[in-house]
């Protein structure tokens, strides 16, 4: 017979609450906690006042390689890697702390909105762990950026040093331009 620990269950609920508040999807919650799916759904509904989003998580490395998501993913992953290597954090603790620090960095800049969700950050860590993606140094700025492990990355130049021609041409930037013109 397995003995249930009230303290362990309390810690798992606290972790689930923190993950839900950061925007975690149900699949992430199921993987990173020992709570049942039913308890997680109940907790999600209690905190968010809505059911968790349905559907599968995206399973493609392509999203992380486009210019803006790549910059945000690289910021997060460098923070995450630093925490793992120097702050003695690992697993979900490094993920949560790394994501919180990423949000803090992005929100400190009035012009930036977070592009990376917690679930995408979790997926990114899994892609790097499975060696589908990796960090590569830019030959211009020496910053480390997320790249496809199977691409030829010799002489890699990041999307900050070599900005794509369509970069920044978002609907929001167009609206801000129009507002400042008036």
N, C-alpha and C. Protein backbone atom coordinates (compact mmCIF):
# COMPACT_ATOMS: atom_id res chain seq x y z
N UNK A 1 0.84 -1.18 0.00
CA UNK A 1 0.00 0.00 0.00
C UNK A 1 0.89 1.25 0.00
N UNK A 2 0.58 2.18 -0.89
CA UNK A 2 1.34 3.41 -1.01
C UNK A 2 0.82 4.44 0.00
N UNK A 3 1.73 5.03 0.76
CA UNK A 3 1.35 6.03 1.75
C UNK A 3 1.38 7.40 1.10
N UNK A 4 0.26 8.13 1.22
CA UNK A 4 0.17 9.48 0.68
C UNK A 4 0.76 10.47 1.68
N UNK A 5 1.53 11.40 1.17
CA UNK A 5 2.10 12.44 2.01
C UNK A 5 1.31 13.72 1.78
N UNK A 6 0.79 14.28 2.84
CA UNK A 6 0.03 15.52 2.77
C UNK A 6 0.96 16.66 2.34
N UNK A 7 2.19 16.63 2.85
CA UNK A 7 3.15 17.69 2.50
C UNK A 7 3.49 17.62 1.02
N UNK A 8 3.76 16.41 0.50
CA UNK A 8 4.08 16.25 -0.92
C UNK A 8 2.90 16.70 -1.79
N UNK A 9 1.70 16.31 -1.41
CA UNK A 9 0.53 16.72 -2.17
C UNK A 9 0.35 18.24 -2.15
N UNK A 10 0.61 18.84 -1.01
CA UNK A 10 0.53 20.30 -0.89
C UNK A 10 1.55 20.98 -1.80
N UNK A 11 2.76 20.43 -1.85
CA UNK A 11 3.81 20.99 -2.71
C UNK A 11 3.42 20.85 -4.19
N UNK A 12 2.82 19.74 -4.55
CA UNK A 12 2.39 19.52 -5.92
C UNK A 12 1.27 20.48 -6.31
N UNK A 13 0.36 20.74 -5.39
CA UNK A 13 -0.73 21.69 -5.65
C UNK A 13 -0.15 23.09 -5.80
N UNK A 14 0.79 23.44 -4.94
CA UNK A 14 1.43 24.76 -5.03
C UNK A 14 2.16 24.94 -6.35
N UNK A 15 2.86 23.89 -6.78
CA UNK A 15 3.55 23.93 -8.07
C UNK A 15 2.55 24.08 -9.21
N UNK A 16 1.47 23.33 -9.17
CA UNK A 16 0.44 23.42 -10.21
C UNK A 16 -0.17 24.82 -10.26
N UNK A 17 -0.41 25.42 -9.11
CA UNK A 17 -0.96 26.78 -9.06
C UNK A 17 0.01 27.75 -9.71
N UNK A 18 1.29 27.63 -9.37
CA UNK A 18 2.30 28.52 -9.95
C UNK A 18 2.36 28.35 -11.47
N UNK A 19 2.33 27.11 -11.93
CA UNK A 19 2.38 26.84 -13.37
C UNK A 19 1.14 27.37 -14.09
N UNK A 20 -0.02 27.18 -13.50
CA UNK A 20 -1.27 27.67 -14.10
C UNK A 20 -1.24 29.20 -14.18
N UNK A 21 -0.78 29.84 -13.10
CA UNK A 21 -0.71 31.31 -13.10
C UNK A 21 0.26 31.84 -14.14
N UNK A 22 1.25 31.04 -14.51
CA UNK A 22 2.19 31.44 -15.55
C UNK A 22 1.69 31.07 -16.95
N UNK A 23 0.54 30.40 -17.02
CA UNK A 23 -0.07 30.10 -18.32
C UNK A 23 0.17 28.69 -18.84
N UNK A 24 0.52 27.75 -17.97
CA UNK A 24 0.81 26.38 -18.41
C UNK A 24 -0.43 25.70 -18.98
N UNK A 25 -0.22 24.92 -19.99
CA UNK A 25 -1.27 24.09 -20.56
C UNK A 25 -1.36 22.79 -19.77
N UNK A 26 -2.47 22.09 -19.93
CA UNK A 26 -2.74 20.88 -19.15
C UNK A 26 -1.68 19.80 -19.35
N UNK A 27 -1.17 19.65 -20.58
CA UNK A 27 -0.16 18.62 -20.84
C UNK A 27 1.11 18.87 -20.03
N UNK A 28 1.50 20.13 -19.88
CA UNK A 28 2.66 20.49 -19.07
C UNK A 28 2.39 20.14 -17.61
N UNK A 29 1.20 20.50 -17.12
CA UNK A 29 0.84 20.22 -15.73
C UNK A 29 0.86 18.73 -15.44
N UNK A 30 0.33 17.93 -16.37
CA UNK A 30 0.29 16.48 -16.18
C UNK A 30 1.69 15.88 -16.13
N UNK A 31 2.60 16.43 -16.93
CA UNK A 31 3.96 15.91 -16.98
C UNK A 31 4.78 16.32 -15.76
N UNK A 32 4.60 17.53 -15.30
CA UNK A 32 5.47 18.08 -14.25
C UNK A 32 4.94 17.92 -12.83
N UNK A 33 3.71 17.49 -12.66
CA UNK A 33 3.18 17.25 -11.31
C UNK A 33 2.69 15.81 -11.20
N UNK A 34 2.44 15.38 -9.98
CA UNK A 34 1.92 14.03 -9.76
C UNK A 34 0.41 14.04 -9.53
N UNK A 35 -0.21 15.19 -9.71
CA UNK A 35 -1.66 15.30 -9.50
C UNK A 35 -2.41 14.67 -10.65
N UNK A 36 -3.59 14.16 -10.37
CA UNK A 36 -4.41 13.53 -11.41
C UNK A 36 -4.94 14.58 -12.38
N UNK A 37 -5.27 14.13 -13.57
CA UNK A 37 -5.83 15.03 -14.60
C UNK A 37 -7.09 15.72 -14.08
N UNK A 38 -7.93 14.99 -13.38
CA UNK A 38 -9.17 15.54 -12.85
C UNK A 38 -8.90 16.66 -11.85
N UNK A 39 -7.92 16.45 -10.96
CA UNK A 39 -7.57 17.49 -9.98
C UNK A 39 -6.99 18.71 -10.67
N UNK A 40 -6.18 18.49 -11.68
CA UNK A 40 -5.58 19.60 -12.42
C UNK A 40 -6.63 20.42 -13.14
N UNK A 41 -7.60 19.74 -13.75
CA UNK A 41 -8.69 20.46 -14.45
C UNK A 41 -9.50 21.27 -13.44
N UNK A 42 -9.80 20.66 -12.31
CA UNK A 42 -10.56 21.35 -11.26
C UNK A 42 -9.80 22.59 -10.76
N UNK A 43 -8.52 22.42 -10.53
CA UNK A 43 -7.66 23.51 -10.07
C UNK A 43 -7.58 24.61 -11.12
N UNK A 44 -7.43 24.23 -12.38
CA UNK A 44 -7.35 25.18 -13.48
C UNK A 44 -8.65 26.01 -13.54
N UNK A 45 -9.78 25.33 -13.46
CA UNK A 45 -11.08 26.03 -13.52
C UNK A 45 -11.25 26.97 -12.33
N UNK A 46 -10.79 26.54 -11.16
CA UNK A 46 -10.92 27.38 -9.97
C UNK A 46 -10.06 28.65 -10.09
N UNK A 47 -8.87 28.51 -10.63
CA UNK A 47 -7.97 29.66 -10.76
C UNK A 47 -8.31 30.57 -11.94
N UNK A 48 -8.63 29.98 -13.08
CA UNK A 48 -8.84 30.75 -14.31
C UNK A 48 -10.31 31.02 -14.63
N UNK A 49 -11.20 30.37 -13.92
CA UNK A 49 -12.64 30.51 -14.16
C UNK A 49 -13.03 30.11 -15.58
N UNK A 50 -12.29 29.18 -16.14
CA UNK A 50 -12.58 28.61 -17.46
C UNK A 50 -11.89 27.26 -17.57
N UNK A 51 -12.34 26.48 -18.52
CA UNK A 51 -11.70 25.18 -18.75
C UNK A 51 -10.35 25.37 -19.41
N UNK A 52 -9.44 24.43 -19.19
CA UNK A 52 -8.14 24.53 -19.86
C UNK A 52 -8.30 24.41 -21.37
N UNK A 53 -7.43 25.06 -22.14
CA UNK A 53 -7.54 24.95 -23.59
C UNK A 53 -7.36 23.50 -24.04
N UNK A 54 -8.09 23.13 -25.07
CA UNK A 54 -8.02 21.77 -25.60
C UNK A 54 -7.09 21.75 -26.81
N UNK A 55 -6.76 20.57 -27.22
CA UNK A 55 -5.94 20.42 -28.42
C UNK A 55 -4.52 20.03 -28.08
N UNK A 56 -3.84 19.57 -29.12
CA UNK A 56 -2.47 19.12 -28.96
C UNK A 56 -1.51 20.30 -28.91
N UNK A 57 -0.39 20.08 -28.28
CA UNK A 57 0.66 21.08 -28.28
C UNK A 57 1.37 21.04 -29.62
N UNK A 58 1.87 22.19 -30.06
CA UNK A 58 2.60 22.18 -31.33
C UNK A 58 3.87 21.35 -31.19
N UNK A 59 4.14 20.55 -32.21
CA UNK A 59 5.36 19.75 -32.17
C UNK A 59 6.19 20.03 -33.41
N UNK A 60 6.77 21.21 -33.43
CA UNK A 60 7.64 21.59 -34.53
C UNK A 60 8.70 22.53 -34.00
N UNK A 61 9.91 22.33 -34.44
CA UNK A 61 11.00 23.21 -34.04
C UNK A 61 10.98 24.51 -34.84
N UNK A 62 10.25 24.55 -35.94
CA UNK A 62 10.25 25.70 -36.86
C UNK A 62 9.90 27.01 -36.16
N UNK A 63 8.93 27.00 -35.26
CA UNK A 63 8.48 28.22 -34.60
C UNK A 63 9.64 28.91 -33.89
N UNK A 64 10.52 28.14 -33.27
CA UNK A 64 11.62 28.69 -32.49
C UNK A 64 12.72 29.30 -33.36
N UNK A 65 12.66 29.06 -34.66
CA UNK A 65 13.71 29.50 -35.56
C UNK A 65 13.35 30.76 -36.35
N UNK A 66 12.09 31.19 -36.31
CA UNK A 66 11.71 32.43 -36.99
C UNK A 66 12.24 33.60 -36.17
N UNK A 67 12.43 34.75 -36.80
CA UNK A 67 13.25 35.82 -36.19
C UNK A 67 12.83 36.25 -34.80
N UNK A 68 11.60 36.68 -34.57
CA UNK A 68 11.21 37.20 -33.25
C UNK A 68 11.11 36.08 -32.20
N UNK A 69 10.44 34.97 -32.49
CA UNK A 69 10.44 33.88 -31.51
C UNK A 69 11.84 33.37 -31.19
N UNK A 70 12.75 33.42 -32.17
CA UNK A 70 14.12 32.96 -31.93
C UNK A 70 14.83 33.84 -30.91
N UNK A 71 14.65 35.14 -31.03
CA UNK A 71 15.28 36.06 -30.07
C UNK A 71 14.74 35.81 -28.67
N UNK A 72 13.43 35.71 -28.53
CA UNK A 72 12.81 35.48 -27.22
C UNK A 72 13.18 34.11 -26.66
N UNK A 73 13.17 33.11 -27.52
CA UNK A 73 13.54 31.75 -27.09
C UNK A 73 14.98 31.71 -26.63
N UNK A 74 15.84 32.42 -27.34
CA UNK A 74 17.25 32.46 -26.98
C UNK A 74 17.47 33.18 -25.66
N UNK A 75 16.75 34.27 -25.43
CA UNK A 75 16.83 34.98 -24.14
C UNK A 75 16.45 34.03 -23.01
N UNK A 76 15.28 33.39 -23.17
CA UNK A 76 14.83 32.47 -22.13
C UNK A 76 15.83 31.34 -21.91
N UNK A 77 16.27 30.71 -23.00
CA UNK A 77 17.10 29.52 -22.83
C UNK A 77 18.46 29.85 -22.22
N UNK A 78 19.00 31.01 -22.53
CA UNK A 78 20.26 31.42 -21.90
C UNK A 78 20.08 31.62 -20.40
N UNK A 79 18.95 32.20 -20.01
CA UNK A 79 18.65 32.37 -18.58
C UNK A 79 18.50 30.99 -17.93
N UNK A 80 17.72 30.13 -18.57
CA UNK A 80 17.48 28.78 -18.06
C UNK A 80 18.80 28.02 -17.88
N UNK A 81 19.64 28.08 -18.90
CA UNK A 81 20.92 27.36 -18.85
C UNK A 81 21.81 27.91 -17.73
N UNK A 82 21.81 29.22 -17.55
CA UNK A 82 22.58 29.83 -16.46
C UNK A 82 22.10 29.31 -15.11
N UNK A 83 20.78 29.25 -14.92
CA UNK A 83 20.23 28.76 -13.66
C UNK A 83 20.61 27.30 -13.40
N UNK A 84 20.57 26.49 -14.45
CA UNK A 84 20.94 25.08 -14.31
C UNK A 84 22.42 24.94 -13.97
N UNK A 85 23.27 25.72 -14.64
CA UNK A 85 24.72 25.60 -14.46
C UNK A 85 25.25 26.28 -13.20
N UNK A 86 24.59 27.36 -12.74
CA UNK A 86 25.17 28.16 -11.66
C UNK A 86 24.29 28.35 -10.43
N UNK A 87 23.00 28.09 -10.52
CA UNK A 87 22.13 28.33 -9.37
C UNK A 87 21.61 27.04 -8.75
N UNK A 88 22.17 25.93 -9.20
CA UNK A 88 21.78 24.62 -8.66
C UNK A 88 20.28 24.37 -8.75
N UNK A 89 19.67 24.86 -9.82
CA UNK A 89 18.27 24.56 -10.09
C UNK A 89 18.21 23.58 -11.24
N UNK A 90 17.16 22.78 -11.29
CA UNK A 90 16.96 21.90 -12.43
C UNK A 90 15.49 21.61 -12.61
N UNK A 91 15.17 20.93 -13.69
CA UNK A 91 13.81 20.52 -13.95
C UNK A 91 12.82 21.67 -13.98
N UNK A 92 11.68 21.43 -13.37
CA UNK A 92 10.60 22.40 -13.40
C UNK A 92 10.95 23.66 -12.61
N UNK A 93 11.81 23.54 -11.58
CA UNK A 93 12.21 24.72 -10.81
C UNK A 93 13.01 25.69 -11.68
N UNK A 94 13.93 25.17 -12.48
CA UNK A 94 14.71 26.02 -13.40
C UNK A 94 13.81 26.60 -14.48
N UNK A 95 12.86 25.82 -14.95
CA UNK A 95 11.91 26.29 -15.96
C UNK A 95 11.11 27.47 -15.44
N UNK A 96 10.52 27.32 -14.26
CA UNK A 96 9.68 28.37 -13.68
C UNK A 96 10.50 29.63 -13.39
N UNK A 97 11.64 29.48 -12.75
CA UNK A 97 12.47 30.64 -12.40
C UNK A 97 13.00 31.30 -13.67
N UNK A 98 13.43 30.50 -14.64
CA UNK A 98 13.92 31.04 -15.90
C UNK A 98 12.84 31.80 -16.66
N UNK A 99 11.62 31.26 -16.64
CA UNK A 99 10.52 31.92 -17.34
C UNK A 99 10.14 33.22 -16.63
N UNK A 100 10.13 33.21 -15.30
CA UNK A 100 9.83 34.43 -14.55
C UNK A 100 10.87 35.51 -14.84
N UNK A 101 12.14 35.13 -14.91
CA UNK A 101 13.21 36.10 -15.22
C UNK A 101 13.08 36.60 -16.66
N UNK A 102 12.72 35.71 -17.59
CA UNK A 102 12.47 36.12 -18.98
C UNK A 102 11.36 37.17 -19.01
N UNK A 103 10.24 36.91 -18.33
CA UNK A 103 9.12 37.86 -18.31
C UNK A 103 9.57 39.20 -17.71
N UNK A 104 10.35 39.14 -16.66
CA UNK A 104 10.85 40.36 -16.02
C UNK A 104 11.69 41.17 -17.00
N UNK A 105 12.57 40.51 -17.75
CA UNK A 105 13.41 41.21 -18.72
C UNK A 105 12.57 41.84 -19.83
N UNK A 106 11.60 41.13 -20.32
CA UNK A 106 10.77 41.61 -21.42
C UNK A 106 9.87 42.75 -20.94
N UNK A 107 9.30 42.62 -19.77
CA UNK A 107 8.37 43.64 -19.26
C UNK A 107 9.10 44.91 -18.83
N UNK A 108 10.42 44.82 -18.59
CA UNK A 108 11.19 46.02 -18.26
C UNK A 108 11.33 46.95 -19.46
N UNK A 109 11.14 46.43 -20.65
CA UNK A 109 11.21 47.22 -21.89
C UNK A 109 9.78 47.55 -22.31
N UNK A 110 9.44 48.83 -22.32
CA UNK A 110 8.06 49.26 -22.62
C UNK A 110 7.60 48.87 -24.02
N UNK A 111 8.53 48.61 -24.93
CA UNK A 111 8.16 48.32 -26.31
C UNK A 111 7.99 46.83 -26.60
N UNK A 112 8.32 45.98 -25.64
CA UNK A 112 8.28 44.54 -25.89
C UNK A 112 7.12 43.87 -25.18
N UNK A 113 6.57 42.89 -25.84
CA UNK A 113 5.56 42.01 -25.26
C UNK A 113 6.16 40.60 -25.24
N UNK A 114 5.84 39.80 -24.24
CA UNK A 114 6.34 38.42 -24.24
C UNK A 114 5.84 37.67 -25.47
N UNK A 115 6.73 37.00 -26.14
CA UNK A 115 6.38 36.20 -27.31
C UNK A 115 6.32 34.73 -26.91
N UNK A 116 7.14 34.36 -25.95
CA UNK A 116 7.28 32.98 -25.52
C UNK A 116 6.32 32.68 -24.37
N UNK A 117 5.49 31.67 -24.53
CA UNK A 117 4.62 31.24 -23.44
C UNK A 117 5.38 30.22 -22.59
N UNK A 118 4.89 29.96 -21.39
CA UNK A 118 5.53 28.97 -20.53
C UNK A 118 5.54 27.61 -21.21
N UNK A 119 4.45 27.25 -21.85
CA UNK A 119 4.37 25.95 -22.52
C UNK A 119 5.37 25.86 -23.66
N UNK A 120 5.54 26.95 -24.41
CA UNK A 120 6.56 26.95 -25.48
C UNK A 120 7.96 26.86 -24.87
N UNK A 121 8.20 27.53 -23.74
CA UNK A 121 9.50 27.46 -23.07
C UNK A 121 9.78 26.02 -22.63
N UNK A 122 8.79 25.35 -22.09
CA UNK A 122 8.90 23.96 -21.67
C UNK A 122 9.21 23.06 -22.87
N UNK A 123 8.51 23.32 -23.97
CA UNK A 123 8.73 22.56 -25.20
C UNK A 123 10.15 22.80 -25.71
N UNK A 124 10.61 24.04 -25.65
CA UNK A 124 11.97 24.38 -26.07
C UNK A 124 13.00 23.58 -25.28
N UNK A 125 12.84 23.53 -23.97
CA UNK A 125 13.77 22.76 -23.14
C UNK A 125 13.77 21.30 -23.56
N UNK A 126 12.62 20.76 -23.84
CA UNK A 126 12.52 19.37 -24.27
C UNK A 126 13.19 19.16 -25.63
N UNK A 127 13.03 20.11 -26.56
CA UNK A 127 13.67 20.02 -27.86
C UNK A 127 15.19 20.06 -27.74
N UNK A 128 15.70 20.92 -26.84
CA UNK A 128 17.15 21.00 -26.66
C UNK A 128 17.65 19.72 -25.98
N UNK A 129 16.92 19.24 -24.97
CA UNK A 129 17.31 18.00 -24.30
C UNK A 129 17.35 16.82 -25.26
N UNK A 130 16.45 16.83 -26.25
CA UNK A 130 16.42 15.73 -27.22
C UNK A 130 17.34 15.99 -28.42
N UNK A 131 18.11 17.07 -28.33
CA UNK A 131 19.11 17.45 -29.34
C UNK A 131 18.52 17.79 -30.72
N UNK A 132 17.27 18.23 -30.72
CA UNK A 132 16.67 18.72 -31.97
C UNK A 132 17.05 20.17 -32.21
N UNK A 133 17.22 20.92 -31.12
CA UNK A 133 17.67 22.31 -31.16
C UNK A 133 18.89 22.44 -30.27
N UNK A 134 19.67 23.49 -30.49
CA UNK A 134 20.84 23.74 -29.65
C UNK A 134 21.16 25.23 -29.67
N UNK A 135 22.08 25.64 -28.80
CA UNK A 135 22.57 27.01 -28.81
C UNK A 135 23.80 27.09 -29.71
N UNK A 136 23.90 28.16 -30.49
CA UNK A 136 25.04 28.39 -31.35
C UNK A 136 25.46 29.84 -31.19
N UNK A 137 26.76 30.11 -31.17
CA UNK A 137 27.26 31.47 -31.03
C UNK A 137 27.21 32.20 -32.37
N UNK A 138 26.77 33.45 -32.31
CA UNK A 138 26.75 34.31 -33.49
C UNK A 138 28.19 34.76 -33.77
N UNK A 139 28.59 34.71 -35.04
CA UNK A 139 29.96 35.10 -35.38
C UNK A 139 30.15 36.62 -35.32
N UNK A 140 29.07 37.40 -35.28
CA UNK A 140 29.18 38.86 -35.19
C UNK A 140 29.18 39.36 -33.75
N UNK A 141 28.17 38.98 -32.97
CA UNK A 141 28.01 39.53 -31.62
C UNK A 141 28.41 38.57 -30.51
N UNK A 142 28.67 37.32 -30.85
CA UNK A 142 29.04 36.26 -29.90
C UNK A 142 27.91 35.84 -28.97
N UNK A 143 26.70 36.37 -29.19
CA UNK A 143 25.55 35.92 -28.42
C UNK A 143 25.20 34.49 -28.79
N UNK A 144 24.56 33.78 -27.88
CA UNK A 144 24.18 32.39 -28.15
C UNK A 144 22.69 32.35 -28.49
N UNK A 145 22.38 31.72 -29.62
CA UNK A 145 21.01 31.68 -30.13
C UNK A 145 20.59 30.25 -30.44
N UNK A 146 19.29 30.03 -30.36
CA UNK A 146 18.71 28.73 -30.67
C UNK A 146 18.80 28.48 -32.17
N UNK A 147 19.32 27.31 -32.54
CA UNK A 147 19.40 26.92 -33.94
C UNK A 147 18.98 25.45 -34.07
N UNK A 148 18.69 25.04 -35.28
CA UNK A 148 18.38 23.64 -35.57
C UNK A 148 19.68 22.85 -35.51
N UNK A 149 19.70 21.79 -34.75
CA UNK A 149 20.90 20.99 -34.58
C UNK A 149 21.38 20.36 -35.88
N UNK A 150 20.46 20.16 -36.80
CA UNK A 150 20.80 19.45 -38.04
C UNK A 150 21.10 20.38 -39.20
N UNK A 151 21.02 21.69 -38.98
CA UNK A 151 21.41 22.65 -40.01
C UNK A 151 22.92 22.84 -39.99
N UNK A 152 23.43 23.35 -41.08
CA UNK A 152 24.84 23.72 -41.12
C UNK A 152 24.96 25.09 -40.44
N UNK A 153 25.55 25.13 -39.26
CA UNK A 153 25.59 26.36 -38.47
C UNK A 153 26.97 27.01 -38.43
N UNK A 154 27.88 26.57 -39.28
CA UNK A 154 29.21 27.18 -39.33
C UNK A 154 29.07 28.60 -39.87
N UNK A 155 29.63 29.57 -39.16
CA UNK A 155 29.52 30.97 -39.58
C UNK A 155 28.14 31.55 -39.31
N UNK A 156 27.46 31.05 -38.29
CA UNK A 156 26.10 31.49 -37.97
C UNK A 156 26.05 32.97 -37.61
N UNK A 157 25.08 33.69 -38.19
CA UNK A 157 24.82 35.09 -37.87
C UNK A 157 23.38 35.17 -37.38
N UNK A 158 23.18 35.73 -36.19
CA UNK A 158 21.85 35.79 -35.57
C UNK A 158 20.93 36.78 -36.29
N UNK A 159 19.66 36.71 -35.95
CA UNK A 159 18.67 37.59 -36.59
C UNK A 159 18.66 39.00 -36.00
N UNK A 160 19.50 39.26 -35.01
CA UNK A 160 19.67 40.63 -34.52
C UNK A 160 20.75 41.32 -35.36
N UNK A 161 21.82 40.60 -35.62
CA UNK A 161 22.91 41.15 -36.43
C UNK A 161 22.53 41.21 -37.91
N UNK A 162 21.71 40.30 -38.36
CA UNK A 162 21.26 40.27 -39.75
C UNK A 162 19.73 40.23 -39.75
N UNK A 163 19.14 41.40 -39.57
CA UNK A 163 17.68 41.50 -39.43
C UNK A 163 17.00 41.17 -40.75
N UNK A 164 16.02 40.25 -40.73
CA UNK A 164 15.28 39.94 -41.95
C UNK A 164 14.54 41.17 -42.48
N UNK A 165 14.35 41.24 -43.78
CA UNK A 165 13.75 42.43 -44.39
C UNK A 165 12.32 42.69 -43.90
N UNK A 166 11.60 41.67 -43.53
CA UNK A 166 10.21 41.84 -43.07
C UNK A 166 10.11 41.95 -41.54
N UNK A 167 11.20 41.97 -40.86
CA UNK A 167 11.19 42.02 -39.39
C UNK A 167 10.53 43.30 -38.91
N UNK A 168 9.67 43.16 -37.92
CA UNK A 168 9.02 44.31 -37.31
C UNK A 168 7.79 44.80 -38.05
N UNK A 169 7.44 44.15 -39.14
CA UNK A 169 6.29 44.56 -39.93
C UNK A 169 5.01 43.87 -39.41
N UNK A 170 4.78 44.00 -38.12
CA UNK A 170 3.60 43.39 -37.53
C UNK A 170 2.44 44.37 -37.55
N UNK A 171 1.28 43.84 -37.36
CA UNK A 171 0.07 44.68 -37.32
C UNK A 171 0.17 45.70 -36.18
N UNK A 172 0.69 45.27 -35.03
CA UNK A 172 0.80 46.15 -33.87
C UNK A 172 1.77 47.30 -34.15
N UNK A 173 2.92 47.00 -34.79
CA UNK A 173 3.89 48.07 -35.08
C UNK A 173 3.31 49.08 -36.07
N UNK A 174 2.50 48.60 -37.00
CA UNK A 174 1.85 49.48 -37.97
C UNK A 174 0.86 50.41 -37.27
N UNK A 175 0.08 49.84 -36.33
CA UNK A 175 -0.89 50.63 -35.57
C UNK A 175 -0.17 51.70 -34.71
N UNK A 176 0.93 51.32 -34.08
CA UNK A 176 1.69 52.29 -33.28
C UNK A 176 2.26 53.41 -34.14
N UNK A 177 2.72 53.04 -35.33
CA UNK A 177 3.23 54.05 -36.27
C UNK A 177 2.14 55.04 -36.66
N UNK A 178 0.94 54.53 -36.94
CA UNK A 178 -0.19 55.39 -37.32
C UNK A 178 -0.59 56.29 -36.18
N UNK A 179 -0.59 55.78 -34.95
CA UNK A 179 -0.97 56.59 -33.78
C UNK A 179 0.04 57.71 -33.54
N UNK A 180 1.31 57.41 -33.70
CA UNK A 180 2.33 58.43 -33.45
C UNK A 180 2.36 59.49 -34.56
N UNK A 181 1.83 59.18 -35.74
CA UNK A 181 1.79 60.11 -36.85
C UNK A 181 0.72 61.18 -36.63
N UNK A 182 -0.29 60.87 -35.83
CA UNK A 182 -1.40 61.83 -35.62
C UNK A 182 -1.10 62.83 -34.56
